[in-house]
Protein backbone atom coordinates (compact mmCIF):
# COMPACT_ATOMS: atom_id res chain seq x y z
CA UNK A 1 10.55 42.39 15.82
CA UNK A 2 11.14 46.25 16.46
CA UNK A 3 11.76 48.68 13.59
CA UNK A 4 14.87 50.38 13.43
CA UNK A 5 14.76 54.02 13.54
CA UNK A 6 15.61 54.33 9.91
CA UNK A 7 12.64 52.18 8.70
CA UNK A 8 10.24 54.46 10.79
CA UNK A 9 11.30 57.59 8.55
CA UNK A 10 8.49 58.57 6.20
CA UNK A 11 9.93 60.10 2.99
CA UNK A 12 6.69 61.10 1.29
CA UNK A 13 5.66 64.84 2.19
CA UNK A 14 3.17 65.34 4.77
CA UNK A 15 1.24 67.54 2.24
CA UNK A 16 0.48 64.27 0.00
CA UNK A 17 -2.02 61.87 0.01
CA UNK A 18 0.60 59.06 0.76
CA UNK A 19 2.66 61.02 3.46
CA UNK A 20 -0.42 62.27 5.19
CA UNK A 21 -1.86 58.58 5.41
CA UNK A 22 1.33 57.06 6.50
CA UNK A 23 1.62 59.45 9.40
CA UNK A 24 -2.02 59.21 10.36
CA UNK A 25 -1.60 55.33 10.25
CA UNK A 26 1.10 55.73 13.01
CA UNK A 27 -2.07 56.32 15.26
CA UNK A 28 -3.00 52.47 14.93
CA UNK A 29 0.25 51.54 16.35
CA UNK A 30 -0.56 53.08 19.72
CA UNK A 31 -1.99 49.70 20.85
CA UNK A 32 -1.03 46.16 20.51
CA UNK A 33 -4.74 45.01 21.35
CA UNK A 34 -6.60 44.24 18.24
CA UNK A 35 -9.85 44.99 19.60
CA UNK A 36 -8.69 48.42 20.88
CA UNK A 37 -6.98 49.08 17.49
CA UNK A 38 -10.05 48.30 15.38
CA UNK A 39 -12.76 49.63 17.51
CA UNK A 40 -11.39 52.73 19.10
CA UNK A 41 -8.32 53.73 16.97
CA UNK A 42 -9.45 52.98 13.42
CA UNK A 43 -12.63 55.23 13.06
CA UNK A 44 -10.77 58.47 14.07
CA UNK A 45 -7.85 57.54 11.86
CA UNK A 46 -10.20 57.18 8.80
CA UNK A 47 -11.88 60.13 9.66
CA UNK A 48 -8.79 62.09 9.94
CA UNK A 49 -7.39 60.42 6.81
CA UNK A 50 -10.47 61.72 4.67
CA UNK A 51 -10.20 65.30 6.15
CA UNK A 52 -6.53 65.29 5.36
CA UNK A 53 -7.00 64.10 1.88
CA UNK A 54 -9.79 66.83 1.36
CA UNK A 55 -7.12 69.39 2.54
CA UNK A 56 -4.41 67.81 0.27
CA UNK A 57 -6.67 68.02 -2.77
CA UNK A 58 -7.82 71.68 -2.09
CA UNK A 59 -4.34 72.63 -1.34
CA UNK A 60 -2.78 71.21 -4.61
CA UNK A 61 -5.93 72.49 -6.67
CA UNK A 62 -5.04 75.99 -5.68
CA UNK A 63 -1.23 76.18 -5.08
CA UNK A 64 0.03 72.77 -6.20
CA UNK A 65 2.43 74.12 -9.17
CA UNK A 66 4.11 76.37 -6.84
CA UNK A 67 5.22 74.24 -4.20
CA UNK A 68 6.85 71.71 -6.53
CA UNK A 69 10.64 72.91 -5.92
CA UNK A 70 10.10 73.21 -2.19
CA UNK A 71 8.53 69.67 -1.91
CA UNK A 72 11.71 68.19 -3.96
CA UNK A 73 13.97 70.32 -1.51
CA UNK A 74 12.26 68.82 1.45
CA UNK A 75 12.39 65.17 0.12
CA UNK A 76 16.05 65.31 -0.15
CA UNK A 77 16.35 66.41 3.43
CA UNK A 78 14.23 63.53 4.63
CA UNK A 79 16.23 61.49 2.66
CA UNK A 80 19.65 62.69 4.24
CA UNK A 81 17.97 62.28 7.67
CA UNK A 82 17.03 58.39 6.75
CA UNK A 83 20.61 57.93 5.30
CA UNK A 84 22.21 59.29 8.63
CA UNK A 85 19.94 57.10 10.69
CA UNK A 86 21.10 54.00 8.75
CA UNK A 87 24.65 55.19 9.07
CA UNK A 88 24.55 55.54 12.62
CA UNK A 89 22.78 52.25 13.26
CA UNK A 90 25.25 50.50 11.02
CA UNK A 91 28.25 51.91 13.10
CA UNK A 92 26.35 50.76 16.11
CA UNK A 93 25.99 47.25 14.92
CA UNK A 94 29.64 47.03 14.13
CA UNK A 95 30.65 48.61 17.45
CA UNK A 96 28.28 45.93 19.46
CA UNK A 97 29.47 42.92 17.38
CA UNK A 98 30.83 40.19 19.50
CA UNK A 99 34.17 38.94 18.65
């Protein structure tokens, strides 16, 4: 079953461990073939994930306290985007509903 657009929105910051991992994990959905996914897509995804986590750790070790307000502001923007997508999907579902 295909995911809705609002279900694909990642609320976590790209500069967080969860957000960077979720965005990188999308690379594994490029192929539906299990062998291609595990042999060709997983190793680079894991390597990029480790690289991203080391960068995020260094970033927050140095600048972490200064970016907390910015992260809260951006998260609210991503939540608003997800809500707008959900609203559009709901209107579309009501509009298409057979009578």
